[in-house]
Protein backbone atom coordinates (compact mmCIF):
# COMPACT_ATOMS: atom_id res chain seq x y z
CA UNK A 1 -88.34 31.69 -57.26
CA UNK A 2 -86.46 28.73 -55.72
CA UNK A 3 -83.20 29.76 -57.64
CA UNK A 4 -83.78 33.30 -56.34
CA UNK A 5 -84.15 32.10 -52.74
CA UNK A 6 -80.88 29.99 -53.01
CA UNK A 7 -78.99 32.91 -54.41
CA UNK A 8 -80.24 35.05 -51.51
CA UNK A 9 -78.95 32.44 -49.04
CA UNK A 10 -75.63 32.45 -50.72
CA UNK A 11 -75.78 28.88 -51.88
CA UNK A 12 -75.93 29.41 -55.54
CA UNK A 13 -73.15 26.70 -56.09
CA UNK A 14 -75.88 23.93 -55.48
CA UNK A 15 -77.34 24.84 -58.84
CA UNK A 16 -74.23 23.91 -60.71
CA UNK A 17 -75.27 21.29 -63.45
CA UNK A 18 -72.78 18.70 -62.22
CA UNK A 19 -74.22 18.85 -58.62
CA UNK A 20 -77.62 18.73 -59.72
CA UNK A 21 -76.84 15.69 -61.84
CA UNK A 22 -74.99 13.96 -58.83
CA UNK A 23 -78.18 14.69 -56.64
CA UNK A 24 -80.57 13.06 -59.29
CA UNK A 25 -78.29 10.10 -59.71
CA UNK A 26 -78.28 9.63 -55.98
CA UNK A 27 -82.09 9.84 -55.82
CA UNK A 28 -82.30 7.23 -58.56
CA UNK A 29 -80.09 4.87 -56.59
CA UNK A 30 -82.05 5.22 -53.53
CA UNK A 31 -85.34 4.50 -55.39
CA UNK A 32 -83.87 1.32 -56.97
CA UNK A 33 -82.80 0.11 -53.48
CA UNK A 34 -86.23 0.79 -51.90
CA UNK A 35 -87.79 -1.00 -54.88
CA UNK A 36 -85.46 -4.06 -54.16
CA UNK A 37 -86.46 -4.16 -50.51
CA UNK A 38 -90.18 -4.18 -51.55
CA UNK A 39 -89.52 -6.88 -54.00
CA UNK A 40 -87.68 -8.87 -51.39
CA UNK A 41 -90.72 -8.58 -48.97
CA UNK A 42 -93.03 -9.70 -51.70
CA UNK A 43 -90.84 -12.64 -52.79
CA UNK A 44 -90.45 -13.74 -49.05
CA UNK A 45 -94.30 -13.81 -48.68
CA UNK A 46 -94.83 -15.56 -52.06
CA UNK A 47 -91.70 -17.49 -52.84
CA UNK A 48 -93.47 -19.46 -55.62
CA UNK A 49 -93.89 -16.38 -57.68
CA UNK A 50 -91.16 -15.25 -60.04
CA UNK A 51 -88.94 -12.69 -58.26
CA UNK A 52 -89.24 -9.07 -59.48
CA UNK A 53 -86.48 -8.24 -62.11
CA UNK A 54 -84.95 -4.87 -61.53
CA UNK A 55 -82.07 -5.07 -64.19
CA UNK A 56 -83.34 -2.26 -66.35
CA UNK A 57 -83.84 0.06 -63.27
CA UNK A 58 -80.18 -1.01 -61.91
CA UNK A 59 -78.60 -0.30 -65.20
CA UNK A 60 -80.33 3.12 -65.43
CA UNK A 61 -79.29 3.95 -61.79
CA UNK A 62 -75.62 2.78 -62.51
CA UNK A 63 -75.94 -0.07 -59.97
CA UNK A 64 -74.67 -3.55 -60.56
CA UNK A 65 -77.90 -5.78 -60.58
CA UNK A 66 -76.37 -8.97 -59.40
CA UNK A 67 -76.38 -8.21 -55.69
CA UNK A 68 -79.86 -6.90 -55.62
CA UNK A 69 -80.97 -9.82 -57.65
CA UNK A 70 -79.50 -12.12 -55.08
CA UNK A 71 -81.12 -10.15 -52.34
CA UNK A 72 -84.54 -10.47 -53.92
CA UNK A 73 -84.27 -13.93 -54.95
CA UNK A 74 -82.96 -15.26 -51.67
CA UNK A 75 -85.46 -13.35 -49.40
CA UNK A 76 -87.22 -15.56 -46.75
CA UNK A 77 -89.32 -14.65 -43.89
CA UNK A 78 -87.91 -15.47 -40.44
CA UNK A 79 -91.48 -15.74 -39.06
CA UNK A 80 -91.08 -16.76 -35.44
CA UNK A 81 -87.45 -18.00 -36.09
CA UNK A 82 -84.25 -16.27 -34.94
CA UNK A 83 -81.48 -14.67 -36.84
CA UNK A 84 -77.98 -15.46 -35.80
CA UNK A 85 -75.10 -12.96 -35.91
CA UNK A 86 -72.39 -11.74 -33.90
CA UNK A 87 -73.10 -9.38 -31.14
CA UNK A 88 -73.94 -6.04 -32.83
CA UNK A 89 -72.14 -4.13 -29.98
CA UNK A 90 -68.90 -6.11 -29.75
CA UNK A 91 -68.30 -8.50 -32.77
CA UNK A 92 -67.30 -6.87 -36.00
CA UNK A 93 -69.64 -9.15 -38.19
CA UNK A 94 -72.47 -8.24 -35.96
CA UNK A 95 -71.62 -4.49 -36.39
CA UNK A 96 -71.49 -4.86 -40.20
CA UNK A 97 -74.84 -6.55 -40.17
CA UNK A 98 -76.49 -3.85 -38.19
CA UNK A 99 -74.94 -1.12 -40.45
CA UNK A 100 -76.39 -2.96 -43.49
CA UNK A 101 -79.78 -3.22 -42.23
CA UNK A 102 -79.88 0.38 -40.96
CA UNK A 103 -78.66 1.41 -44.47
CA UNK A 104 -81.44 -0.71 -46.10
CA UNK A 105 -84.15 0.50 -43.56
CA UNK A 106 -84.62 -2.99 -42.07
CA UNK A 107 -82.94 -2.97 -38.69
CA UNK A 108 -86.08 -1.93 -36.67
CA UNK A 109 -88.10 -4.82 -37.87
CA UNK A 110 -85.16 -7.27 -37.52
CA UNK A 111 -83.68 -6.24 -34.09
CA UNK A 112 -85.92 -8.21 -31.85
CA UNK A 113 -85.23 -11.59 -33.90
CA UNK A 114 -81.49 -11.54 -33.46
CA UNK A 115 -79.63 -14.30 -31.46
CA UNK A 116 -76.38 -12.65 -30.70
CA UNK A 117 -73.36 -14.87 -30.56
CA UNK A 118 -69.84 -13.94 -29.23
CA UNK A 119 -68.21 -14.65 -32.54
CA UNK A 120 -69.19 -14.96 -36.22
CA UNK A 121 -68.28 -18.62 -36.16
CA UNK A 122 -70.54 -19.30 -33.12
CA UNK A 123 -73.30 -17.60 -35.09
CA UNK A 124 -72.59 -19.78 -38.19
CA UNK A 125 -72.80 -22.76 -36.02
CA UNK A 126 -76.28 -21.84 -34.73
CA UNK A 127 -77.56 -21.84 -38.21
CA UNK A 128 -75.71 -25.23 -39.18
CA UNK A 129 -77.36 -26.78 -36.20
CA UNK A 130 -80.81 -25.59 -37.11
CA UNK A 131 -81.12 -23.46 -33.84
CA UNK A 132 -81.72 -20.26 -35.99
CA UNK A 133 -83.48 -20.10 -39.18
CA UNK A 134 -81.20 -17.55 -40.86
CA UNK A 135 -77.75 -15.96 -40.06
CA UNK A 136 -75.79 -13.02 -41.07
CA UNK A 137 -72.01 -13.94 -41.43
CA UNK A 138 -69.16 -13.43 -43.66
CA UNK A 139 -69.58 -15.02 -46.92
CA UNK A 140 -66.08 -16.65 -46.60
CA UNK A 141 -67.06 -18.43 -43.54
CA UNK A 142 -70.42 -19.55 -44.85
CA UNK A 143 -68.70 -21.11 -47.93
CA UNK A 144 -66.81 -23.67 -45.88
CA UNK A 145 -69.60 -24.69 -43.67
CA UNK A 146 -71.48 -27.55 -45.35
CA UNK A 147 -74.44 -27.19 -43.03
CA UNK A 148 -75.52 -23.99 -44.28
CA UNK A 149 -76.18 -22.21 -47.81
CA UNK A 150 -75.87 -18.70 -48.87
CA UNK A 151 -79.19 -17.32 -49.88
CA UNK A 152 -78.34 -13.85 -50.30
CA UNK A 153 -75.69 -10.97 -49.86
CA UNK A 154 -75.69 -7.42 -48.69
CA UNK A 155 -74.96 -4.79 -51.36
CA UNK A 156 -71.23 -3.73 -50.94
CA UNK A 157 -72.04 -0.14 -50.25
CA UNK A 158 -74.58 -0.98 -47.50
CA UNK A 159 -71.96 -1.28 -44.82
CA UNK A 160 -68.24 -0.15 -44.20
CA UNK A 161 -65.72 -1.89 -46.34
CA UNK A 162 -64.46 -5.18 -44.76
CA UNK A 163 -60.74 -4.87 -45.02
CA UNK A 164 -58.02 -6.76 -43.10
CA UNK A 165 -54.92 -4.75 -42.77
CA UNK A 166 -51.49 -6.20 -41.66
CA UNK A 167 -48.28 -4.50 -40.55
CA UNK A 168 -45.31 -5.17 -38.47
CA UNK A 169 -45.06 -3.59 -34.88
CA UNK A 170 -42.08 -1.71 -33.69
CA UNK A 171 -41.02 -4.62 -31.61
CA UNK A 172 -41.53 -7.21 -34.54
CA UNK A 173 -38.76 -10.05 -34.81
CA UNK A 174 -36.84 -10.26 -38.04
CA UNK A 175 -38.78 -13.21 -39.49
CA UNK A 176 -41.86 -11.31 -39.23
CA UNK A 177 -40.97 -9.19 -42.43
CA UNK A 178 -40.46 -12.53 -44.41
CA UNK A 179 -43.94 -13.51 -43.32
CA UNK A 180 -45.41 -10.06 -44.42
CA UNK A 181 -43.48 -10.59 -47.78
CA UNK A 182 -45.05 -13.88 -48.23
CA UNK A 183 -48.59 -12.30 -47.55
CA UNK A 184 -48.00 -10.19 -50.67
CA UNK A 185 -46.77 -13.17 -52.70
CA UNK A 186 -48.72 -14.71 -55.70
CA UNK A 187 -48.94 -17.89 -53.61
CA UNK A 188 -50.70 -16.13 -50.95
CA UNK A 189 -52.84 -14.39 -53.40
CA UNK A 190 -53.87 -17.84 -54.83
CA UNK A 191 -54.80 -19.10 -51.27
CA UNK A 192 -56.75 -16.10 -50.25
CA UNK A 193 -58.78 -16.14 -53.48
CA UNK A 194 -59.46 -19.81 -53.15
CA UNK A 195 -61.40 -19.02 -50.04
CA UNK A 196 -63.24 -16.02 -51.25
CA UNK A 197 -61.12 -13.13 -50.25
CA UNK A 198 -60.18 -10.21 -52.47
CA UNK A 199 -56.48 -9.39 -52.74
CA UNK A 200 -56.21 -5.62 -52.72
CA UNK A 201 -52.50 -5.23 -53.50
CA UNK A 202 -50.36 -6.26 -56.40
CA UNK A 203 -48.09 -9.42 -55.65
CA UNK A 204 -44.49 -8.51 -55.06
CA UNK A 205 -43.25 -12.17 -55.76
């Protein structure tokens, strides 16, 4: 009956096996992420109990288990405390934080707890000083601040990709191009990776 209705609507293509398989796979990934959120809540409420292991479910759904395991194991309740991040309307880190929480279905519950800062480093300082109990910042910033520790990371596909492009303007001076070449060198790649950044292009020197 369902297939007949679909054909009558002129949408028979959605019954193609490949599309059906893609839909089922997407459904499996959603189920695993919802299970991860529930497991994180339970672990935050009872941190002394072992965290739920979703490795089998992750592998079955084609999801790398490490990020979700970190999310669950590092879950904490903010309680009456505040969560620092960049202004979600103006600061890129804040925008990424909101996007990730919305994707994971947690923005509504967390929104009222946010302490908005005018930069990601200012948000990091709030956590380091103990003025907020948690913060959402870039992992690369947190890694160089001795006053904080990383308790979890968002899944990479829960927010837009964080990429830093670089290019010369039409009015750039001649030595600009030498600097751009350096940024694509093996030396630059080593420096970037030392501080937690991923180098997205192949070095040219």
